[in-house]
PDB file of all heavy atoms in Angstrom:
ATOM      1  N   ARG A   1       0.826  -1.210   0.000  1.00  0.00           N
ATOM      2  CA  ARG A   1       0.000   0.000   0.000  1.00  0.00           C
ATOM      3  C   ARG A   1       0.857   1.256   0.000  1.00  0.00           C
ATOM      4  O   ARG A   1       0.537   2.253  -0.657  1.00  0.00           O
ATOM      5  CB  ARG A   1      -0.931  -0.004   1.220  1.00  0.00           C
ATOM      6  CG  ARG A   1      -2.001  -1.073   1.196  1.00  0.00           C
ATOM      7  CD  ARG A   1      -2.981  -0.860   0.053  1.00  0.00           C
ATOM      8  NE  ARG A   1      -4.056  -1.836   0.077  1.00  0.00           N
ATOM      9  CZ  ARG A   1      -4.973  -1.961  -0.867  1.00  0.00           C
ATOM     10  NH1 ARG A   1      -4.936  -1.169  -1.918  1.00  0.00           N
ATOM     11  NH2 ARG A   1      -5.916  -2.885  -0.784  1.00  0.00           N
ATOM     12  N   GLN A   2       1.960   1.229   0.744  1.00  0.00           N
ATOM     13  CA  GLN A   2       2.840   2.395   0.778  1.00  0.00           C
ATOM     14  C   GLN A   2       3.517   2.609  -0.568  1.00  0.00           C
ATOM     15  O   GLN A   2       3.711   3.736  -1.010  1.00  0.00           O
ATOM     16  CB  GLN A   2       3.862   2.255   1.898  1.00  0.00           C
ATOM     17  CG  GLN A   2       3.235   2.346   3.287  1.00  0.00           C
ATOM     18  CD  GLN A   2       4.261   2.345   4.401  1.00  0.00           C
ATOM     19  OE1 GLN A   2       5.437   2.081   4.180  1.00  0.00           O
ATOM     20  NE2 GLN A   2       3.814   2.631   5.614  1.00  0.00           N
ATOM     21  N   GLN A   3       3.871   1.528  -1.248  1.00  0.00           N
ATOM     22  CA  GLN A   3       4.431   1.654  -2.593  1.00  0.00           C
ATOM     23  C   GLN A   3       3.418   2.295  -3.536  1.00  0.00           C
ATOM     24  O   GLN A   3       3.752   3.184  -4.329  1.00  0.00           O
ATOM     25  CB  GLN A   3       4.832   0.283  -3.120  1.00  0.00           C
ATOM     26  CG  GLN A   3       5.997  -0.363  -2.379  1.00  0.00           C
ATOM     27  CD  GLN A   3       6.318  -1.731  -2.940  1.00  0.00           C
ATOM     28  OE1 GLN A   3       6.300  -1.946  -4.145  1.00  0.00           O
ATOM     29  NE2 GLN A   3       6.619  -2.679  -2.063  1.00  0.00           N
ATOM     30  N   LEU A   4       2.174   1.847  -3.454  1.00  0.00           N
ATOM     31  CA  LEU A   4       1.127   2.397  -4.311  1.00  0.00           C
ATOM     32  C   LEU A   4       0.859   3.861  -3.977  1.00  0.00           C
ATOM     33  O   LEU A   4       0.639   4.679  -4.871  1.00  0.00           O
ATOM     34  CB  LEU A   4      -0.157   1.578  -4.146  1.00  0.00           C
ATOM     35  CG  LEU A   4      -0.104   0.145  -4.680  1.00  0.00           C
ATOM     36  CD1 LEU A   4      -1.355  -0.620  -4.285  1.00  0.00           C
ATOM     37  CD2 LEU A   4       0.077   0.136  -6.184  1.00  0.00           C
ATOM     38  N   LEU A   5       0.895   4.198  -2.697  1.00  0.00           N
ATOM     39  CA  LEU A   5       0.671   5.589  -2.277  1.00  0.00           C
ATOM     40  C   LEU A   5       1.774   6.496  -2.819  1.00  0.00           C
ATOM     41  O   LEU A   5       1.513   7.573  -3.367  1.00  0.00           O
ATOM     42  CB  LEU A   5       0.607   5.660  -0.751  1.00  0.00           C
ATOM     43  CG  LEU A   5       0.164   6.986  -0.124  1.00  0.00           C
ATOM     44  CD1 LEU A   5      -0.479   6.731   1.246  1.00  0.00           C
ATOM     45  CD2 LEU A   5       1.322   7.958   0.028  1.00  0.00           C
ATOM     46  N   LEU A   6       3.012   6.059  -2.680  1.00  0.00           N
ATOM     47  CA  LEU A   6       4.129   6.853  -3.182  1.00  0.00           C
ATOM     48  C   LEU A   6       4.070   7.016  -4.697  1.00  0.00           C
ATOM     49  O   LEU A   6       4.360   8.092  -5.235  1.00  0.00           O
ATOM     50  CB  LEU A   6       5.454   6.196  -2.776  1.00  0.00           C
ATOM     51  CG  LEU A   6       5.807   6.256  -1.287  1.00  0.00           C
ATOM     52  CD1 LEU A   6       6.968   5.320  -0.981  1.00  0.00           C
ATOM     53  CD2 LEU A   6       6.147   7.680  -0.867  1.00  0.00           C
ATOM     54  N   THR A   7       3.676   5.949  -5.388  1.00  0.00           N
ATOM     55  CA  THR A   7       3.566   6.015  -6.840  1.00  0.00           C
ATOM     56  C   THR A   7       2.454   6.971  -7.253  1.00  0.00           C
ATOM     57  O   THR A   7       2.581   7.700  -8.244  1.00  0.00           O
ATOM     58  CB  THR A   7       3.313   4.618  -7.426  1.00  0.00           C
ATOM     59  OG1 THR A   7       4.362   3.745  -7.023  1.00  0.00           O
ATOM     60  CG2 THR A   7       3.274   4.673  -8.950  1.00  0.00           C
ATOM     61  N   ALA A   8       1.352   6.988  -6.502  1.00  0.00           N
ATOM     62  CA  ALA A   8       0.265   7.935  -6.775  1.00  0.00           C
ATOM     63  C   ALA A   8       0.762   9.371  -6.644  1.00  0.00           C
ATOM     64  O   ALA A   8       0.446  10.236  -7.468  1.00  0.00           O
ATOM     65  CB  ALA A   8      -0.903   7.678  -5.819  1.00  0.00           C
ATOM     66  N   LEU A   9       1.568   9.639  -5.611  1.00  0.00           N
ATOM     67  CA  LEU A   9       2.110  10.987  -5.424  1.00  0.00           C
ATOM     68  C   LEU A   9       3.141  11.328  -6.502  1.00  0.00           C
ATOM     69  O   LEU A   9       3.277  12.488  -6.898  1.00  0.00           O
ATOM     70  CB  LEU A   9       2.744  11.109  -4.039  1.00  0.00           C
ATOM     71  CG  LEU A   9       1.773  11.023  -2.853  1.00  0.00           C
ATOM     72  CD1 LEU A   9       2.530  11.125  -1.532  1.00  0.00           C
ATOM     73  CD2 LEU A   9       0.705  12.119  -2.939  1.00  0.00           C
ATOM     74  N   LEU A  10       3.854  10.306  -6.998  1.00  0.00           N
ATOM     75  CA  LEU A  10       4.800  10.527  -8.092  1.00  0.00           C
ATOM     76  C   LEU A  10       4.064  11.017  -9.332  1.00  0.00           C
ATOM     77  O   LEU A  10       4.552  11.887 -10.063  1.00  0.00           O
ATOM     78  CB  LEU A  10       5.548   9.228  -8.401  1.00  0.00           C
ATOM     79  CG  LEU A  10       6.535   9.277  -9.575  1.00  0.00           C
ATOM     80  CD1 LEU A  10       7.756  10.110  -9.224  1.00  0.00           C
ATOM     81  CD2 LEU A  10       6.949   7.860  -9.984  1.00  0.00           C
ATOM     82  N   ARG A  11       2.885  10.458  -9.572  1.00  0.00           N
ATOM     83  CA  ARG A  11       2.105  10.790 -10.767  1.00  0.00           C
ATOM     84  C   ARG A  11       1.306  12.073 -10.605  1.00  0.00           C
ATOM     85  O   ARG A  11       0.765  12.600 -11.584  1.00  0.00           O
ATOM     86  CB  ARG A  11       1.168   9.640 -11.100  1.00  0.00           C
ATOM     87  CG  ARG A  11       1.892   8.371 -11.478  1.00  0.00           C
ATOM     88  CD  ARG A  11       0.919   7.221 -11.613  1.00  0.00           C
ATOM     89  NE  ARG A  11       1.584   6.025 -12.082  1.00  0.00           N
ATOM     90  CZ  ARG A  11       0.987   4.854 -12.217  1.00  0.00           C
ATOM     91  NH1 ARG A  11      -0.304   4.733 -11.919  1.00  0.00           N
ATOM     92  NH2 ARG A  11       1.664   3.810 -12.636  1.00  0.00           N
ATOM     93  N   HIS A  12       1.193  12.547  -9.391  1.00  0.00           N
ATOM     94  CA  HIS A  12       0.447  13.780  -9.116  1.00  0.00           C
ATOM     95  C   HIS A  12       1.373  14.714  -8.347  1.00  0.00           C
ATOM     96  O   HIS A  12       1.270  14.846  -7.118  1.00  0.00           O
ATOM     97  CB  HIS A  12      -0.832  13.486  -8.324  1.00  0.00           C
ATOM     98  CG  HIS A  12      -1.823  12.628  -9.058  1.00  0.00           C
ATOM     99  ND1 HIS A  12      -1.692  11.246  -9.139  1.00  0.00           N
ATOM    100  CD2 HIS A  12      -2.944  12.944  -9.757  1.00  0.00           C
ATOM    101  CE1 HIS A  12      -2.696  10.754  -9.852  1.00  0.00           C
ATOM    102  NE2 HIS A  12      -3.464  11.759 -10.235  1.00  0.00           N
ATOM    103  N   ARG A  13       2.296  15.354  -9.064  1.00  0.00           N
ATOM    104  CA  ARG A  13       3.345  16.145  -8.431  1.00  0.00           C
ATOM    105  C   ARG A  13       2.797  17.344  -7.652  1.00  0.00           C
ATOM    106  O   ARG A  13       3.452  17.850  -6.743  1.00  0.00           O
ATOM    107  CB  ARG A  13       4.341  16.648  -9.487  1.00  0.00           C
ATOM    108  CG  ARG A  13       5.098  15.540 -10.202  1.00  0.00           C
ATOM    109  CD  ARG A  13       5.950  14.734  -9.224  1.00  0.00           C
ATOM    110  NE  ARG A  13       6.716  13.700  -9.904  1.00  0.00           N
ATOM    111  CZ  ARG A  13       7.946  13.859 -10.361  1.00  0.00           C
ATOM    112  NH1 ARG A  13       8.569  15.004 -10.212  1.00  0.00           N
ATOM    113  NH2 ARG A  13       8.564  12.866 -10.980  1.00  0.00           N
ATOM    114  N   LYS A  14       1.612  17.821  -8.014  1.00  0.00           N
ATOM    115  CA  LYS A  14       1.027  18.952  -7.287  1.00  0.00           C
ATOM    116  C   LYS A  14       0.435  18.534  -5.952  1.00  0.00           C
ATOM    117  O   LYS A  14       0.086  19.385  -5.137  1.00  0.00           O
ATOM    118  CB  LYS A  14      -0.046  19.635  -8.148  1.00  0.00           C
ATOM    119  CG  LYS A  14       0.526  20.326  -9.379  1.00  0.00           C
ATOM    120  CD  LYS A  14      -0.557  21.047 -10.158  1.00  0.00           C
ATOM    121  CE  LYS A  14       0.026  21.757 -11.369  1.00  0.00           C
ATOM    122  NZ  LYS A  14      -1.032  22.476 -12.142  1.00  0.00           N
ATOM    123  N   GLY A  15       0.336  17.231  -5.733  1.00  0.00           N
ATOM    124  CA  GLY A  15      -0.112  16.733  -4.447  1.00  0.00           C
ATOM    125  C   GLY A  15      -1.515  16.173  -4.438  1.00  0.00           C
ATOM    126  O   GLY A  15      -2.315  16.433  -5.342  1.00  0.00           O
ATOM    127  N   LEU A  16      -1.803  15.386  -3.400  1.00  0.00           N
ATOM    128  CA  LEU A  16      -3.117  14.771  -3.212  1.00  0.00           C
ATOM    129  C   LEU A  16      -3.549  14.916  -1.761  1.00  0.00           C
ATOM    130  O   LEU A  16      -2.703  14.948  -0.854  1.00  0.00           O
ATOM    131  CB  LEU A  16      -3.080  13.284  -3.595  1.00  0.00           C
ATOM    132  CG  LEU A  16      -2.806  12.945  -5.064  1.00  0.00           C
ATOM    133  CD1 LEU A  16      -2.514  11.455  -5.223  1.00  0.00           C
ATOM    134  CD2 LEU A  16      -3.988  13.350  -5.943  1.00  0.00           C
ATOM    135  N   THR A  17      -4.830  14.973  -1.542  1.00  0.00           N
ATOM    136  CA  THR A  17      -5.369  15.022  -0.192  1.00  0.00           C
ATOM    137  C   THR A  17      -5.608  13.608   0.321  1.00  0.00           C
ATOM    138  O   THR A  17      -5.525  12.636  -0.437  1.00  0.00           O
ATOM    139  CB  THR A  17      -6.698  15.799  -0.159  1.00  0.00           C
ATOM    140  OG1 THR A  17      -7.663  15.080  -0.945  1.00  0.00           O
ATOM    141  CG2 THR A  17      -6.514  17.206  -0.716  1.00  0.00           C
ATOM    142  N   VAL A  18      -5.918  13.492   1.600  1.00  0.00           N
ATOM    143  CA  VAL A  18      -6.238  12.192   2.184  1.00  0.00           C
ATOM    144  C   VAL A  18      -7.437  11.580   1.482  1.00  0.00           C
ATOM    145  O   VAL A  18      -7.458  10.379   1.179  1.00  0.00           O
ATOM    146  CB  VAL A  18      -6.511  12.335   3.697  1.00  0.00           C
ATOM    147  CG1 VAL A  18      -7.082  11.031   4.264  1.00  0.00           C
ATOM    148  CG2 VAL A  18      -5.240  12.719   4.433  1.00  0.00           C
ATOM    149  N   GLU A  19      -8.453  12.397   1.208  1.00  0.00           N
ATOM    150  CA  GLU A  19      -9.648  11.895   0.545  1.00  0.00           C
ATOM    151  C   GLU A  19      -9.331  11.352  -0.842  1.00  0.00           C
ATOM    152  O   GLU A  19      -9.826  10.290  -1.252  1.00  0.00           O
ATOM    153  CB  GLU A  19     -10.699  13.011   0.438  1.00  0.00           C
ATOM    154  CG  GLU A  19     -11.337  13.417   1.751  1.00  0.00           C
ATOM    155  CD  GLU A  19     -10.431  14.292   2.602  1.00  0.00           C
ATOM    156  OE1 GLU A  19      -9.357  14.740   2.106  1.00  0.00           O
ATOM    157  OE2 GLU A  19     -10.769  14.515   3.780  1.00  0.00           O
ATOM    158  N   GLU A  20      -8.513  12.079  -1.581  1.00  0.00           N
ATOM    159  CA  GLU A  20      -8.148  11.633  -2.928  1.00  0.00           C
ATOM    160  C   GLU A  20      -7.336  10.338  -2.890  1.00  0.00           C
ATOM    161  O   GLU A  20      -7.569   9.430  -3.688  1.00  0.00           O
ATOM    162  CB  GLU A  20      -7.355  12.743  -3.632  1.00  0.00           C
ATOM    163  CG  GLU A  20      -8.211  13.949  -3.992  1.00  0.00           C
ATOM    164  CD  GLU A  20      -7.381  15.131  -4.447  1.00  0.00           C
ATOM    165  OE1 GLU A  20      -6.214  15.255  -4.004  1.00  0.00           O
ATOM    166  OE2 GLU A  20      -7.910  15.935  -5.242  1.00  0.00           O
ATOM    167  N   LEU A  21      -6.410  10.255  -1.955  1.00  0.00           N
ATOM    168  CA  LEU A  21      -5.624   9.029  -1.821  1.00  0.00           C
ATOM    169  C   LEU A  21      -6.508   7.859  -1.394  1.00  0.00           C
ATOM    170  O   LEU A  21      -6.318   6.731  -1.850  1.00  0.00           O
ATOM    171  CB  LEU A  21      -4.509   9.246  -0.800  1.00  0.00           C
ATOM    172  CG  LEU A  21      -3.327  10.090  -1.293  1.00  0.00           C
ATOM    173  CD1 LEU A  21      -2.460  10.526  -0.118  1.00  0.00           C
ATOM    174  CD2 LEU A  21      -2.496   9.309  -2.309  1.00  0.00           C
ATOM    175  N   SER A  22      -7.466   8.130  -0.535  1.00  0.00           N
ATOM    176  CA  SER A  22      -8.378   7.083  -0.076  1.00  0.00           C
ATOM    177  C   SER A  22      -9.160   6.498  -1.248  1.00  0.00           C
ATOM    178  O   SER A  22      -9.309   5.281  -1.376  1.00  0.00           O
ATOM    179  CB  SER A  22      -9.337   7.647   0.974  1.00  0.00           C
ATOM    180  OG  SER A  22     -10.281   6.678   1.365  1.00  0.00           O
ATOM    181  N   ARG A  23      -9.641   7.367  -2.140  1.00  0.00           N
ATOM    182  CA  ARG A  23     -10.395   6.898  -3.309  1.00  0.00           C
ATOM    183  C   ARG A  23      -9.489   6.149  -4.283  1.00  0.00           C
ATOM    184  O   ARG A  23      -9.859   5.086  -4.801  1.00  0.00           O
ATOM    185  CB  ARG A  23     -11.060   8.088  -4.020  1.00  0.00           C
ATOM    186  CG  ARG A  23     -12.225   8.706  -3.282  1.00  0.00           C
ATOM    187  CD  ARG A  23     -13.057   9.578  -4.222  1.00  0.00           C
ATOM    188  NE  ARG A  23     -12.248  10.650  -4.795  1.00  0.00           N
ATOM    189  CZ  ARG A  23     -12.078  11.851  -4.238  1.00  0.00           C
ATOM    190  NH1 ARG A  23     -12.678  12.136  -3.079  1.00  0.00           N
ATOM    191  NH2 ARG A  23     -11.346  12.778  -4.834  1.00  0.00           N
ATOM    192  N   MET A  24      -8.312   6.668  -4.514  1.00  0.00           N
ATOM    193  CA  MET A  24      -7.413   6.051  -5.498  1.00  0.00           C
ATOM    194  C   MET A  24      -6.916   4.683  -5.055  1.00  0.00           C
ATOM    195  O   MET A  24      -6.780   3.763  -5.867  1.00  0.00           O
ATOM    196  CB  MET A  24      -6.210   6.972  -5.759  1.00  0.00           C
ATOM    197  CG  MET A  24      -6.574   8.271  -6.456  1.00  0.00           C
ATOM    198  SD  MET A  24      -5.144   9.359  -6.690  1.00  0.00           S
ATOM    199  CE  MET A  24      -4.237   8.422  -7.900  1.00  0.00           C
ATOM    200  N   LEU A  25      -6.655   4.547  -3.755  1.00  0.00           N
ATOM    201  CA  LEU A  25      -6.107   3.289  -3.245  1.00  0.00           C
ATOM    202  C   LEU A  25      -7.183   2.341  -2.721  1.00  0.00           C
ATOM    203  O   LEU A  25      -6.880   1.203  -2.359  1.00  0.00           O
ATOM    204  CB  LEU A  25      -5.102   3.581  -2.120  1.00  0.00           C
ATOM    205  CG  LEU A  25      -3.923   4.485  -2.497  1.00  0.00           C
ATOM    206  CD1 LEU A  25      -3.023   4.712  -1.295  1.00  0.00           C
ATOM    207  CD2 LEU A  25      -3.126   3.894  -3.646  1.00  0.00           C
ATOM    208  N   ALA A  26      -8.417   2.835  -2.671  1.00  0.00           N
ATOM    209  CA  ALA A  26      -9.541   2.016  -2.191  1.00  0.00           C
ATOM    210  C   ALA A  26      -9.298   1.525  -0.766  1.00  0.00           C
ATOM    211  O   ALA A  26      -9.524   0.344  -0.444  1.00  0.00           O
ATOM    212  CB  ALA A  26      -9.798   0.844  -3.137  1.00  0.00           C
ATOM    213  N   ILE A  27      -8.836   2.420   0.087  1.00  0.00           N
ATOM    214  CA  ILE A  27      -8.659   2.116   1.512  1.00  0.00           C
ATOM    215  C   ILE A  27      -9.256   3.258   2.327  1.00  0.00           C
ATOM    216  O   ILE A  27      -9.551   4.329   1.792  1.00  0.00           O
ATOM    217  CB  ILE A  27      -7.172   1.912   1.883  1.00  0.00           C
ATOM    218  CG1 ILE A  27      -6.352   3.155   1.550  1.00  0.00           C
ATOM    219  CG2 ILE A  27      -6.604   0.696   1.162  1.00  0.00           C
ATOM    220  CD1 ILE A  27      -4.896   3.062   1.972  1.00  0.00           C
TER     221      ILE A  27
END
């Protein structure tokens, strides 16, 4: 999950919120 979270932030350089990460990672 941490690998996926870091990769999500890599692809969204402007940043993501907790809500956005929650939806993207389905957790």
